[in-house]
Amino acid sequence: MRIIGMRFCYFHLVLIFCVSFVSSEQPRASDPSPTPAIPQPPITFQPDPSGAVPQAQFRELLRYAQDREVENEKRLRDYTYVEREEEHKLDGSGNVKKTETRTREVLQVYGEEVERLIAKDDKPLSDAESKKEEEKIQKVIDKCKNESESSRRKRLEKEEKERQEERKFVLEIADAFNFRLVGSETLDGRETWVIEGEPRAGYEPKERSTKILSKFKGRVWIDKTEGQWVRLDITAIDSISVGWFLARIHKGMHIEAEQTKINDEVWLPKHVAVRVDARLALLKSYNEDVDETFRDYKKFRTESKITAVGETQ
């Protein structure tokens, strides 16, 4: 089960909530320019006479954070990193019955994100396994080098369509929830606003995929200085059905995500944890804890070798 890449399609709609809560890759449909300008300084809260923060201010701050993520996404393409996934398979009582770990190096090849497995269960791969991974990378390189213009155009059009669908999802989040400021908290030495969101009564989804928003509640921590989301904590408050008989995700699914500032220029993933209890096609059950950590971010410059900038703390 992959979290950040959202390649585990049965959980796509749920996991996109985690990533999309304050992120996107495309400007809002009403924006005339391809890249929205990020206002300065970051938005601050101005309570009304009753002492409550108006909902419009929360929505403005969250959309500000979305625009920050546009820049983060672009700069991530300049970095390689190491991702460690630890998967705990649980029994019916929630006890761990099996643990597997996989460590991957994430590379950029012709603008494509490519993963190379480098360890299983925290042990290096055998020579044969390593060779197989290198051959896989080479196939990607050869494919990209030889890609025709028409194939490239179709691929980009497909990616654009997927981004637009995700964008529609994102744009409804601010309308689907009521937000409230629950306080401030220091994370990794940075002051953050702590904002809580719960489903808004009477919310009518505009897209089929956004019907699931009413099944969640959560908190987001946003850096006071930079208007950047630092942490997310999201819980399913009701069971979720995906497709007619495709999957059923049970109440209580929990997602946590953290970002950290790298190289004093960009915020990138630090940690993601998911606890999920689900049944696929009414047959196969998934009861798992999945924990992913990200480290060894290295900035890649086309005119030079990869330059290490250290790892996340």
C-alpha atoms as a PDB file:
ATOM      1  CA  MET A   1       0.000   0.000   0.000  1.00  0.00           C
ATOM      2  CA  ARG A   2       1.540   3.287  -1.129  1.00  0.00           C
ATOM      3  CA  ILE A   3       0.481   6.493   0.575  1.00  0.00           C
ATOM      4  CA  ILE A   4       2.081   9.558  -0.949  1.00  0.00           C
ATOM      5  CA  GLY A   5       1.938   8.310  -4.518  1.00  0.00           C
ATOM      6  CA  MET A   6      -1.683   7.148  -4.007  1.00  0.00           C
ATOM      7  CA  ARG A   7      -1.049   4.148  -6.262  1.00  0.00           C
ATOM      8  CA  PHE A   8      -3.334   1.884  -4.204  1.00  0.00           C
ATOM      9  CA  CYS A   9      -6.401   2.766  -6.255  1.00  0.00           C
ATOM     10  CA  TYR A  10      -9.041   1.398  -3.870  1.00  0.00           C
ATOM     11  CA  PHE A  11      -8.062   3.972  -1.265  1.00  0.00           C
ATOM     12  CA  HIS A  12      -7.438   6.789  -3.720  1.00  0.00           C
ATOM     13  CA  LEU A  13     -10.472   8.874  -2.826  1.00  0.00           C
ATOM     14  CA  VAL A  14      -9.738   8.702   0.874  1.00  0.00           C
ATOM     15  CA  LEU A  15      -6.007   9.329   0.666  1.00  0.00           C
ATOM     16  CA  ILE A  16      -6.462  12.244  -1.701  1.00  0.00           C
ATOM     17  CA  PHE A  17      -8.219  13.997   1.184  1.00  0.00           C
ATOM     18  CA  CYS A  18      -4.983  13.903   3.145  1.00  0.00           C
ATOM     19  CA  VAL A  19      -2.941  15.314   0.299  1.00  0.00           C
ATOM     20  CA  SER A  20      -5.596  17.704  -0.968  1.00  0.00           C
ATOM     21  CA  PHE A  21      -6.647  19.258   2.339  1.00  0.00           C
ATOM     22  CA  VAL A  22      -4.317  22.167   1.645  1.00  0.00           C
ATOM     23  CA  SER A  23      -2.614  21.221  -1.621  1.00  0.00           C
ATOM     24  CA  SER A  24      -3.074  21.375  -5.360  1.00  0.00           C
ATOM     25  CA  GLU A  25      -1.044  21.505  -8.537  1.00  0.00           C
ATOM     26  CA  GLN A  26      -3.238  23.756 -10.667  1.00  0.00           C
ATOM     27  CA  PRO A  27      -4.496  27.343 -10.233  1.00  0.00           C
ATOM     28  CA  ARG A  28      -8.147  27.930  -9.424  1.00  0.00           C
ATOM     29  CA  ALA A  29     -10.422  28.025 -12.435  1.00  0.00           C
ATOM     30  CA  SER A  30     -11.154  31.704 -11.870  1.00  0.00           C
ATOM     31  CA  ASP A  31      -7.476  32.670 -11.790  1.00  0.00           C
ATOM     32  CA  PRO A  32      -6.430  34.385 -15.032  1.00  0.00           C
ATOM     33  CA  SER A  33      -2.754  33.497 -14.695  1.00  0.00           C
ATOM     34  CA  PRO A  34      -1.272  29.961 -14.844  1.00  0.00           C
ATOM     35  CA  THR A  35       0.555  30.386 -11.549  1.00  0.00           C
ATOM     36  CA  PRO A  36      -1.363  32.223  -8.788  1.00  0.00           C
ATOM     37  CA  ALA A  37       0.530  34.957  -6.994  1.00  0.00           C
ATOM     38  CA  ILE A  38       1.175  34.175  -3.349  1.00  0.00           C
ATOM     39  CA  PRO A  39       0.112  37.152  -1.210  1.00  0.00           C
ATOM     40  CA  GLN A  40       2.541  38.616   1.293  1.00  0.00           C
ATOM     41  CA  PRO A  41       2.592  38.682   4.199  1.00  0.00           C
ATOM     42  CA  PRO A  42       0.676  35.510   5.234  1.00  0.00           C
ATOM     43  CA  ILE A  43      -2.939  35.974   6.217  1.00  0.00           C
ATOM     44  CA  THR A  44      -3.678  36.557   9.905  1.00  0.00           C
ATOM     45  CA  PHE A  45      -6.936  36.051  11.772  1.00  0.00           C
ATOM     46  CA  GLN A  46      -9.180  38.989  12.668  1.00  0.00           C
ATOM     47  CA  PRO A  47     -11.969  37.880  15.066  1.00  0.00           C
ATOM     48  CA  ASP A  48     -15.412  39.421  14.706  1.00  0.00           C
ATOM     49  CA  PRO A  49     -17.073  41.356  17.583  1.00  0.00           C
ATOM     50  CA  SER A  50     -18.186  38.077  19.175  1.00  0.00           C
ATOM     51  CA  GLY A  51     -14.577  36.852  19.287  1.00  0.00           C
ATOM     52  CA  ALA A  52     -15.063  34.156  16.634  1.00  0.00           C
ATOM     53  CA  VAL A  53     -12.963  33.963  13.494  1.00  0.00           C
ATOM     54  CA  PRO A  54     -15.198  34.259  10.380  1.00  0.00           C
ATOM     55  CA  GLN A  55     -15.288  31.210   8.111  1.00  0.00           C
ATOM     56  CA  ALA A  56     -14.173  33.331   5.153  1.00  0.00           C
ATOM     57  CA  GLN A  57     -10.823  33.948   6.849  1.00  0.00           C
ATOM     58  CA  PHE A  58     -10.227  30.226   7.372  1.00  0.00           C
ATOM     59  CA  ARG A  59     -11.016  29.540   3.726  1.00  0.00           C
ATOM     60  CA  GLU A  60      -8.694  32.309   2.612  1.00  0.00           C
ATOM     61  CA  LEU A  61      -5.856  30.939   4.747  1.00  0.00           C
ATOM     62  CA  LEU A  62      -6.356  27.379   3.485  1.00  0.00           C
ATOM     63  CA  ARG A  63      -6.325  28.562  -0.115  1.00  0.00           C
ATOM     64  CA  TYR A  64      -3.197  30.536   0.627  1.00  0.00           C
ATOM     65  CA  ALA A  65      -1.619  27.309   1.893  1.00  0.00           C
ATOM     66  CA  GLN A  66      -2.755  25.591  -1.306  1.00  0.00           C
ATOM     67  CA  ASP A  67      -0.835  28.132  -3.356  1.00  0.00           C
ATOM     68  CA  ARG A  68       2.250  27.488  -1.238  1.00  0.00           C
ATOM     69  CA  GLU A  69       1.940  23.810  -2.116  1.00  0.00           C
ATOM     70  CA  VAL A  70       2.005  24.639  -5.820  1.00  0.00           C
ATOM     71  CA  GLU A  71       5.533  25.959  -5.349  1.00  0.00           C
ATOM     72  CA  ASN A  72       6.532  23.037  -3.133  1.00  0.00           C
ATOM     73  CA  GLU A  73       5.388  20.581  -5.800  1.00  0.00           C
ATOM     74  CA  LYS A  74       7.513  22.326  -8.425  1.00  0.00           C
ATOM     75  CA  ARG A  75      10.614  22.352  -6.238  1.00  0.00           C
ATOM     76  CA  LEU A  76      10.203  18.705  -5.229  1.00  0.00           C
ATOM     77  CA  ARG A  77      11.124  17.889  -8.821  1.00  0.00           C
ATOM     78  CA  ASP A  78      14.619  19.210  -8.066  1.00  0.00           C
ATOM     79  CA  TYR A  79      15.153  16.677  -5.261  1.00  0.00           C
ATOM     80  CA  THR A  80      15.887  13.008  -4.838  1.00  0.00           C
ATOM     81  CA  TYR A  81      15.154  11.364  -1.502  1.00  0.00           C
ATOM     82  CA  VAL A  82      14.815   8.109   0.416  1.00  0.00           C
ATOM     83  CA  GLU A  83      11.418   6.800   1.472  1.00  0.00           C
ATOM     84  CA  ARG A  84      11.008   4.044   4.062  1.00  0.00           C
ATOM     85  CA  GLU A  85       7.648   2.270   4.284  1.00  0.00           C
ATOM     86  CA  GLU A  86       6.831   0.122   7.296  1.00  0.00           C
ATOM     87  CA  GLU A  87       3.673  -1.955   7.009  1.00  0.00           C
ATOM     88  CA  HIS A  88       2.065  -3.698   9.983  1.00  0.00           C
ATOM     89  CA  LYS A  89      -0.609  -6.260   9.160  1.00  0.00           C
ATOM     90  CA  LEU A  90      -3.048  -6.563  12.064  1.00  0.00           C
ATOM     91  CA  ASP A  91      -5.324  -9.321  13.285  1.00  0.00           C
ATOM     92  CA  GLY A  92      -8.962  -8.843  14.251  1.00  0.00           C
ATOM     93  CA  SER A  93      -7.943  -7.597  17.713  1.00  0.00           C
ATOM     94  CA  GLY A  94      -5.568  -4.982  16.343  1.00  0.00           C
ATOM     95  CA  ASN A  95      -2.418  -6.892  17.251  1.00  0.00           C
ATOM     96  CA  VAL A  96       0.500  -6.943  14.817  1.00  0.00           C
ATOM     97  CA  LYS A  97       0.799 -10.334  13.105  1.00  0.00           C
ATOM     98  CA  LYS A  98       3.324  -9.398  10.417  1.00  0.00           C
ATOM     99  CA  THR A  99       5.684  -6.485   9.705  1.00  0.00           C
ATOM    100  CA  GLU A 100       7.324  -5.662   6.395  1.00  0.00           C
ATOM    101  CA  THR A 101       9.548  -2.741   5.478  1.00  0.00           C
ATOM    102  CA  ARG A 102      10.659  -1.457   2.106  1.00  0.00           C
ATOM    103  CA  THR A 103      13.135   1.345   1.491  1.00  0.00           C
ATOM    104  CA  ARG A 104      13.200   3.125  -1.844  1.00  0.00           C
ATOM    105  CA  GLU A 105      15.274   5.822  -3.456  1.00  0.00           C
ATOM    106  CA  VAL A 106      13.060   8.229  -5.361  1.00  0.00           C
ATOM    107  CA  LEU A 107      14.655   9.710  -8.477  1.00  0.00           C
ATOM    108  CA  GLN A 108      13.640  12.125 -11.207  1.00  0.00           C
ATOM    109  CA  VAL A 109      14.117  10.764 -14.728  1.00  0.00           C
ATOM    110  CA  TYR A 110      13.108  13.047 -17.598  1.00  0.00           C
ATOM    111  CA  GLY A 111      10.644  14.749 -15.287  1.00  0.00           C
ATOM    112  CA  GLU A 112       9.160  11.435 -14.174  1.00  0.00           C
ATOM    113  CA  GLU A 113       9.299  10.229 -10.563  1.00  0.00           C
ATOM    114  CA  VAL A 114      10.953   6.807 -10.490  1.00  0.00           C
ATOM    115  CA  GLU A 115      11.448   4.547  -7.475  1.00  0.00           C
ATOM    116  CA  ARG A 116      14.343   2.179  -6.930  1.00  0.00           C
ATOM    117  CA  LEU A 117      14.007  -0.407  -4.172  1.00  0.00           C
ATOM    118  CA  ILE A 118      17.219  -0.439  -2.124  1.00  0.00           C
ATOM    119  CA  ALA A 119      16.309  -2.490   0.974  1.00  0.00           C
ATOM    120  CA  LYS A 120      13.709  -4.950   2.260  1.00  0.00           C
ATOM    121  CA  ASP A 121      13.138  -5.412   5.976  1.00  0.00           C
ATOM    122  CA  ASP A 122      16.049  -2.995   6.486  1.00  0.00           C
ATOM    123  CA  LYS A 123      18.485  -5.328   4.710  1.00  0.00           C
ATOM    124  CA  PRO A 124      20.256  -4.401   1.434  1.00  0.00           C
ATOM    125  CA  LEU A 125      19.083  -6.131  -1.706  1.00  0.00           C
ATOM    126  CA  SER A 126      21.003  -9.060  -3.110  1.00  0.00           C
ATOM    127  CA  ASP A 127      23.129  -8.513  -6.212  1.00  0.00           C
ATOM    128  CA  ALA A 128      20.431 -10.125  -8.356  1.00  0.00           C
ATOM    129  CA  GLU A 129      17.696  -7.928  -6.859  1.00  0.00           C
ATOM    130  CA  SER A 130      19.807  -4.799  -7.281  1.00  0.00           C
ATOM    131  CA  LYS A 131      20.462  -5.675 -10.910  1.00  0.00           C
ATOM    132  CA  LYS A 132      16.747  -6.101 -11.487  1.00  0.00           C
ATOM    133  CA  GLU A 133      16.081  -2.642 -10.025  1.00  0.00           C
ATOM    134  CA  GLU A 134      18.760  -1.080 -12.226  1.00  0.00           C
ATOM    135  CA  GLU A 135      17.242  -2.730 -15.275  1.00  0.00           C
ATOM    136  CA  LYS A 136      13.862  -1.303 -14.306  1.00  0.00           C
ATOM    137  CA  ILE A 137      15.332   2.212 -14.130  1.00  0.00           C
ATOM    138  CA  GLN A 138      17.047   1.757 -17.471  1.00  0.00           C
ATOM    139  CA  LYS A 139      13.755   0.717 -19.066  1.00  0.00           C
ATOM    140  CA  VAL A 140      12.178   3.940 -17.846  1.00  0.00           C
ATOM    141  CA  ILE A 141      15.087   5.969 -19.220  1.00  0.00           C
ATOM    142  CA  ASP A 142      14.871   4.240 -22.597  1.00  0.00           C
ATOM    143  CA  LYS A 143      11.108   4.681 -22.731  1.00  0.00           C
ATOM    144  CA  CYS A 144      11.342   8.403 -21.963  1.00  0.00           C
ATOM    145  CA  LYS A 145      14.166   8.930 -24.444  1.00  0.00           C
ATOM    146  CA  ASN A 146      12.237   7.221 -27.214  1.00  0.00           C
ATOM    147  CA  GLU A 147       8.789   8.571 -26.430  1.00  0.00           C
ATOM    148  CA  SER A 148       7.089   9.974 -29.517  1.00  0.00           C
ATOM    149  CA  GLU A 149       5.585  13.434 -29.504  1.00  0.00           C
ATOM    150  CA  SER A 150       2.045  12.048 -29.837  1.00  0.00           C
ATOM    151  CA  SER A 151       2.564   9.609 -26.928  1.00  0.00           C
ATOM    152  CA  ARG A 152       3.987  12.375 -24.796  1.00  0.00           C
ATOM    153  CA  ARG A 153       1.021  14.607 -25.618  1.00  0.00           C
ATOM    154  CA  LYS A 154      -1.475  11.876 -24.681  1.00  0.00           C
ATOM    155  CA  ARG A 155       0.364  11.177 -21.436  1.00  0.00           C
ATOM    156  CA  LEU A 156       0.404  14.853 -20.483  1.00  0.00           C
ATOM    157  CA  GLU A 157      -3.274  15.224 -21.380  1.00  0.00           C
ATOM    158  CA  LYS A 158      -4.137  12.265 -19.148  1.00  0.00           C
ATOM    159  CA  GLU A 159      -2.093  13.706 -16.281  1.00  0.00           C
ATOM    160  CA  GLU A 160      -3.760  17.077 -16.756  1.00  0.00           C
ATOM    161  CA  LYS A 161      -7.216  15.498 -16.647  1.00  0.00           C
ATOM    162  CA  GLU A 162      -6.350  13.702 -13.405  1.00  0.00           C
ATOM    163  CA  ARG A 163      -5.043  16.939 -11.866  1.00  0.00           C
ATOM    164  CA  GLN A 164      -8.212  18.774 -12.841  1.00  0.00           C
ATOM    165  CA  GLU A 165     -10.356  16.083 -11.214  1.00  0.00           C
ATOM    166  CA  GLU A 166      -8.298  16.346  -8.043  1.00  0.00           C
ATOM    167  CA  ARG A 167      -8.544  20.134  -8.251  1.00  0.00           C
ATOM    168  CA  LYS A 168     -12.348  19.962  -8.269  1.00  0.00           C
ATOM    169  CA  PHE A 169     -12.104  17.895  -5.105  1.00  0.00           C
ATOM    170  CA  VAL A 170      -9.808  20.445  -3.467  1.00  0.00           C
ATOM    171  CA  LEU A 171     -11.985  23.432  -4.276  1.00  0.00           C
ATOM    172  CA  GLU A 172     -14.951  21.961  -2.421  1.00  0.00           C
ATOM    173  CA  ILE A 173     -13.099  21.298   0.834  1.00  0.00           C
ATOM    174  CA  ALA A 174     -13.350  24.867   2.082  1.00  0.00           C
ATOM    175  CA  ASP A 175     -17.117  24.785   1.503  1.00  0.00           C
ATOM    176  CA  ALA A 176     -17.689  21.319   2.959  1.00  0.00           C
ATOM    177  CA  PHE A 177     -16.431  22.087   6.480  1.00  0.00           C
ATOM    178  CA  ASN A 178     -16.906  24.475   9.336  1.00  0.00           C
ATOM    179  CA  PHE A 179     -13.558  25.535  10.785  1.00  0.00           C
ATOM    180  CA  ARG A 180     -12.558  26.872  14.158  1.00  0.00           C
ATOM    181  CA  LEU A 181      -9.304  28.024  15.690  1.00  0.00           C
ATOM    182  CA  VAL A 182      -8.494  25.761  18.625  1.00  0.00           C
ATOM    183  CA  GLY A 183      -5.179  27.336  19.589  1.00  0.00           C
ATOM    184  CA  SER A 184      -1.485  27.600  18.801  1.00  0.00           C
ATOM    185  CA  GLU A 185       1.263  24.994  19.024  1.00  0.00           C
ATOM    186  CA  THR A 186       5.007  24.863  18.479  1.00  0.00           C
ATOM    187  CA  LEU A 187       6.139  22.158  16.038  1.00  0.00           C
ATOM    188  CA  ASP A 188       9.853  21.695  15.339  1.00  0.00           C
ATOM    189  CA  GLY A 189      10.477  25.121  16.807  1.00  0.00           C
ATOM    190  CA  ARG A 190       7.896  26.856  14.598  1.00  0.00           C
ATOM    191  CA  GLU A 191       4.716  28.548  15.807  1.00  0.00           C
ATOM    192  CA  THR A 192       1.577  27.194  14.166  1.00  0.00           C
ATOM    193  CA  TRP A 193      -2.150  27.840  14.133  1.00  0.00           C
ATOM    194  CA  VAL A 194      -4.212  24.761  15.002  1.00  0.00           C
ATOM    195  CA  ILE A 195      -7.436  24.659  12.984  1.00  0.00           C
ATOM    196  CA  GLU A 196     -10.173  22.076  13.378  1.00  0.00           C
ATOM    197  CA  GLY A 197     -12.636  21.175  10.639  1.00  0.00           C
ATOM    198  CA  GLU A 198     -15.924  19.276  10.904  1.00  0.00           C
ATOM    199  CA  PRO A 199     -18.515  18.520   8.207  1.00  0.00           C
ATOM    200  CA  ARG A 200     -20.847  21.431   7.557  1.00  0.00           C
ATOM    201  CA  ALA A 201     -24.536  20.660   8.002  1.00  0.00           C
ATOM    202  CA  GLY A 202     -26.438  21.091   4.776  1.00  0.00           C
ATOM    203  CA  TYR A 203     -23.386  20.753   2.552  1.00  0.00           C
ATOM    204  CA  GLU A 204     -24.379  19.628  -0.957  1.00  0.00           C
ATOM    205  CA  PRO A 205     -21.442  18.094  -2.892  1.00  0.00           C
ATOM    206  CA  LYS A 206     -20.928  19.342  -6.439  1.00  0.00           C
ATOM    207  CA  GLU A 207     -18.849  16.340  -7.522  1.00  0.00           C
ATOM    208  CA  ARG A 208     -19.461  12.618  -7.022  1.00  0.00           C
ATOM    209  CA  SER A 209     -16.027  12.180  -5.425  1.00  0.00           C
ATOM    210  CA  THR A 210     -16.647  14.889  -2.816  1.00  0.00           C
ATOM    211  CA  LYS A 211     -19.542  13.007  -1.235  1.00  0.00           C
ATOM    212  CA  ILE A 212     -16.976  11.370   1.048  1.00  0.00           C
ATOM    213  CA  LEU A 213     -16.003  14.703   2.648  1.00  0.00           C
ATOM    214  CA  SER A 214     -18.903  14.466   5.082  1.00  0.00           C
ATOM    215  CA  LYS A 215     -17.326  11.243   6.383  1.00  0.00           C
ATOM    216  CA  PHE A 216     -14.262  13.007   7.835  1.00  0.00           C
ATOM    217  CA  LYS A 217     -13.164  15.433  10.485  1.00  0.00           C
ATOM    218  CA  GLY A 218      -9.657  16.685  11.099  1.00  0.00           C
ATOM    219  CA  ARG A 219      -7.090  19.238  12.190  1.00  0.00           C
ATOM    220  CA  VAL A 220      -4.448  21.149  10.272  1.00  0.00           C
ATOM    221  CA  TRP A 221      -1.434  22.938  11.727  1.00  0.00           C
ATOM    222  CA  ILE A 222      -0.375  25.974   9.654  1.00  0.00           C
ATOM    223  CA  ASP A 223       2.893  27.849  10.132  1.00  0.00           C
ATOM    224  CA  LYS A 224       2.125  31.390  11.324  1.00  0.00           C
ATOM    225  CA  THR A 225       5.061  32.957   9.516  1.00  0.00           C
ATOM    226  CA  GLU A 226       4.876  31.254   6.139  1.00  0.00           C
ATOM    227  CA  GLY A 227       1.243  30.159   5.873  1.00  0.00           C
ATOM    228  CA  GLN A 228       2.451  26.629   5.153  1.00  0.00           C
ATOM    229  CA  TRP A 229       0.704  23.512   6.406  1.00  0.00           C
ATOM    230  CA  VAL A 230       2.987  21.568   8.748  1.00  0.00           C
ATOM    231  CA  ARG A 231       0.797  18.750  10.030  1.00  0.00           C
ATOM    232  CA  LEU A 232      -2.530  17.065   9.219  1.00  0.00           C
ATOM    233  CA  ASP A 233      -4.606  14.748  11.414  1.00  0.00           C
ATOM    234  CA  ILE A 234      -7.705  13.270   9.761  1.00  0.00           C
ATOM    235  CA  THR A 235     -10.213  10.654  10.966  1.00  0.00           C
ATOM    236  CA  ALA A 236     -13.093   8.903   9.230  1.00  0.00           C
ATOM    237  CA  ILE A 237     -16.219   9.404  11.355  1.00  0.00           C
ATOM    238  CA  ASP A 238     -18.347   7.020   9.306  1.00  0.00           C
ATOM    239  CA  SER A 239     -17.873   4.017   7.024  1.00  0.00           C
ATOM    240  CA  ILE A 240     -17.121   4.768   3.385  1.00  0.00           C
ATOM    241  CA  SER A 241     -18.185   2.757   0.356  1.00  0.00           C
ATOM    242  CA  VAL A 242     -16.187   3.128  -2.863  1.00  0.00           C
ATOM    243  CA  GLY A 243     -17.916   1.904  -6.009  1.00  0.00           C
ATOM    244  CA  TRP A 244     -20.753  -0.612  -5.957  1.00  0.00           C
ATOM    245  CA  PHE A 245     -18.744  -3.508  -4.500  1.00  0.00           C
ATOM    246  CA  LEU A 246     -15.206  -2.187  -4.880  1.00  0.00           C
ATOM    247  CA  ALA A 247     -14.322  -1.362  -1.288  1.00  0.00           C
ATOM    248  CA  ARG A 248     -15.719  -0.478   2.097  1.00  0.00           C
ATOM    249  CA  ILE A 249     -13.531   1.501   4.487  1.00  0.00           C
ATOM    250  CA  HIS A 250     -14.631   1.300   8.074  1.00  0.00           C
ATOM    251  CA  LYS A 251     -15.190   4.130  10.512  1.00  0.00           C
ATOM    252  CA  GLY A 252     -12.058   5.125  12.422  1.00  0.00           C
ATOM    253  CA  MET A 253      -9.544   5.206   9.580  1.00  0.00           C
ATOM    254  CA  HIS A 254      -6.849   7.618  10.689  1.00  0.00           C
ATOM    255  CA  ILE A 255      -4.332   9.611   8.642  1.00  0.00           C
ATOM    256  CA  GLU A 256      -1.473  11.757   9.914  1.00  0.00           C
ATOM    257  CA  ALA A 257       0.980  13.682   7.755  1.00  0.00           C
ATOM    258  CA  GLU A 258       3.885  16.018   8.509  1.00  0.00           C
ATOM    259  CA  GLN A 259       6.079  18.266   6.388  1.00  0.00           C
ATOM    260  CA  THR A 260       9.424  19.857   7.165  1.00  0.00           C
ATOM    261  CA  LYS A 261      11.422  22.704   5.670  1.00  0.00           C
ATOM    262  CA  ILE A 262      14.370  21.544   3.584  1.00  0.00           C
ATOM    263  CA  ASN A 263      17.381  23.595   2.546  1.00  0.00           C
ATOM    264  CA  ASP A 264      15.614  26.710   3.848  1.00  0.00           C
ATOM    265  CA  GLU A 265      13.655  26.898   0.590  1.00  0.00           C
ATOM    266  CA  VAL A 266      10.929  24.257   0.350  1.00  0.00           C
ATOM    267  CA  TRP A 267       8.532  22.221   2.514  1.00  0.00           C
ATOM    268  CA  LEU A 268       8.592  18.498   1.745  1.00  0.00           C
ATOM    269  CA  PRO A 269       7.107  15.317   3.272  1.00  0.00           C
ATOM    270  CA  LYS A 270       8.573  14.134   6.546  1.00  0.00           C
ATOM    271  CA  HIS A 271       6.167  11.486   7.828  1.00  0.00           C
ATOM    272  CA  VAL A 272       2.842   9.904   6.870  1.00  0.00           C
ATOM    273  CA  ALA A 273       0.956   7.319   8.932  1.00  0.00           C
ATOM    274  CA  VAL A 274      -2.300   5.574   8.043  1.00  0.00           C
ATOM    275  CA  ARG A 275      -4.391   3.117   9.998  1.00  0.00           C
ATOM    276  CA  VAL A 276      -7.005   1.454   7.825  1.00  0.00           C
ATOM    277  CA  ASP A 277      -9.575  -1.297   8.257  1.00  0.00           C
ATOM    278  CA  ALA A 278     -11.254  -2.105   4.965  1.00  0.00           C
ATOM    279  CA  ARG A 279     -12.790  -4.843   2.865  1.00  0.00           C
ATOM    280  CA  LEU A 280     -12.198  -5.058  -0.873  1.00  0.00           C
ATOM    281  CA  ALA A 281     -14.860  -6.462  -3.195  1.00  0.00           C
ATOM    282  CA  LEU A 282     -16.620  -7.791  -0.061  1.00  0.00           C
ATOM    283  CA  LEU A 283     -14.003 -10.554   0.057  1.00  0.00           C
ATOM    284  CA  LYS A 284     -10.495  -9.491   1.014  1.00  0.00           C
ATOM    285  CA  SER A 285      -9.916  -7.598   4.262  1.00  0.00           C
ATOM    286  CA  TYR A 286      -7.189  -5.060   4.933  1.00  0.00           C
ATOM    287  CA  ASN A 287      -6.397  -4.206   8.529  1.00  0.00           C
ATOM    288  CA  GLU A 288      -3.077  -2.398   8.515  1.00  0.00           C
ATOM    289  CA  ASP A 289      -0.908   0.307   9.991  1.00  0.00           C
ATOM    290  CA  VAL A 290       1.343   1.903   7.385  1.00  0.00           C
ATOM    291  CA  ASP A 291       4.104   4.319   8.352  1.00  0.00           C
ATOM    292  CA  GLU A 292       6.265   6.194   5.833  1.00  0.00           C
ATOM    293  CA  THR A 293       9.246   8.410   6.592  1.00  0.00           C
ATOM    294  CA  PHE A 294      11.200  10.569   4.163  1.00  0.00           C
ATOM    295  CA  ARG A 295      14.879  11.506   4.490  1.00  0.00           C
ATOM    296  CA  ASP A 296      18.146  12.232   2.692  1.00  0.00           C
ATOM    297  CA  TYR A 297      16.736  14.969   0.499  1.00  0.00           C
ATOM    298  CA  LYS A 298      19.366  15.878  -2.084  1.00  0.00           C
ATOM    299  CA  LYS A 299      19.061  18.683  -4.544  1.00  0.00           C
ATOM    300  CA  PHE A 300      19.803  17.677  -8.101  1.00  0.00           C
ATOM    301  CA  ARG A 301      21.284  20.199 -10.501  1.00  0.00           C
ATOM    302  CA  THR A 302      21.408  19.345 -14.169  1.00  0.00           C
ATOM    303  CA  GLU A 303      24.767  21.012 -14.608  1.00  0.00           C
ATOM    304  CA  SER A 304      26.418  19.127 -11.760  1.00  0.00           C
ATOM    305  CA  LYS A 305      26.275  16.032  -9.637  1.00  0.00           C
ATOM    306  CA  ILE A 306      23.666  15.489  -6.930  1.00  0.00           C
ATOM    307  CA  THR A 307      24.485  17.732  -3.994  1.00  0.00           C
ATOM    308  CA  ALA A 308      23.645  16.539  -0.495  1.00  0.00           C
ATOM    309  CA  VAL A 309      21.765  18.938   1.730  1.00  0.00           C
ATOM    310  CA  GLY A 310      21.263  16.653   4.698  1.00  0.00           C
ATOM    311  CA  GLU A 311      18.274  14.733   5.887  1.00  0.00           C
ATOM    312  CA  THR A 312      15.126  15.595   7.801  1.00  0.00           C
ATOM    313  CA  GLN A 313      15.343  15.497  11.538  1.00  0.00           C
END
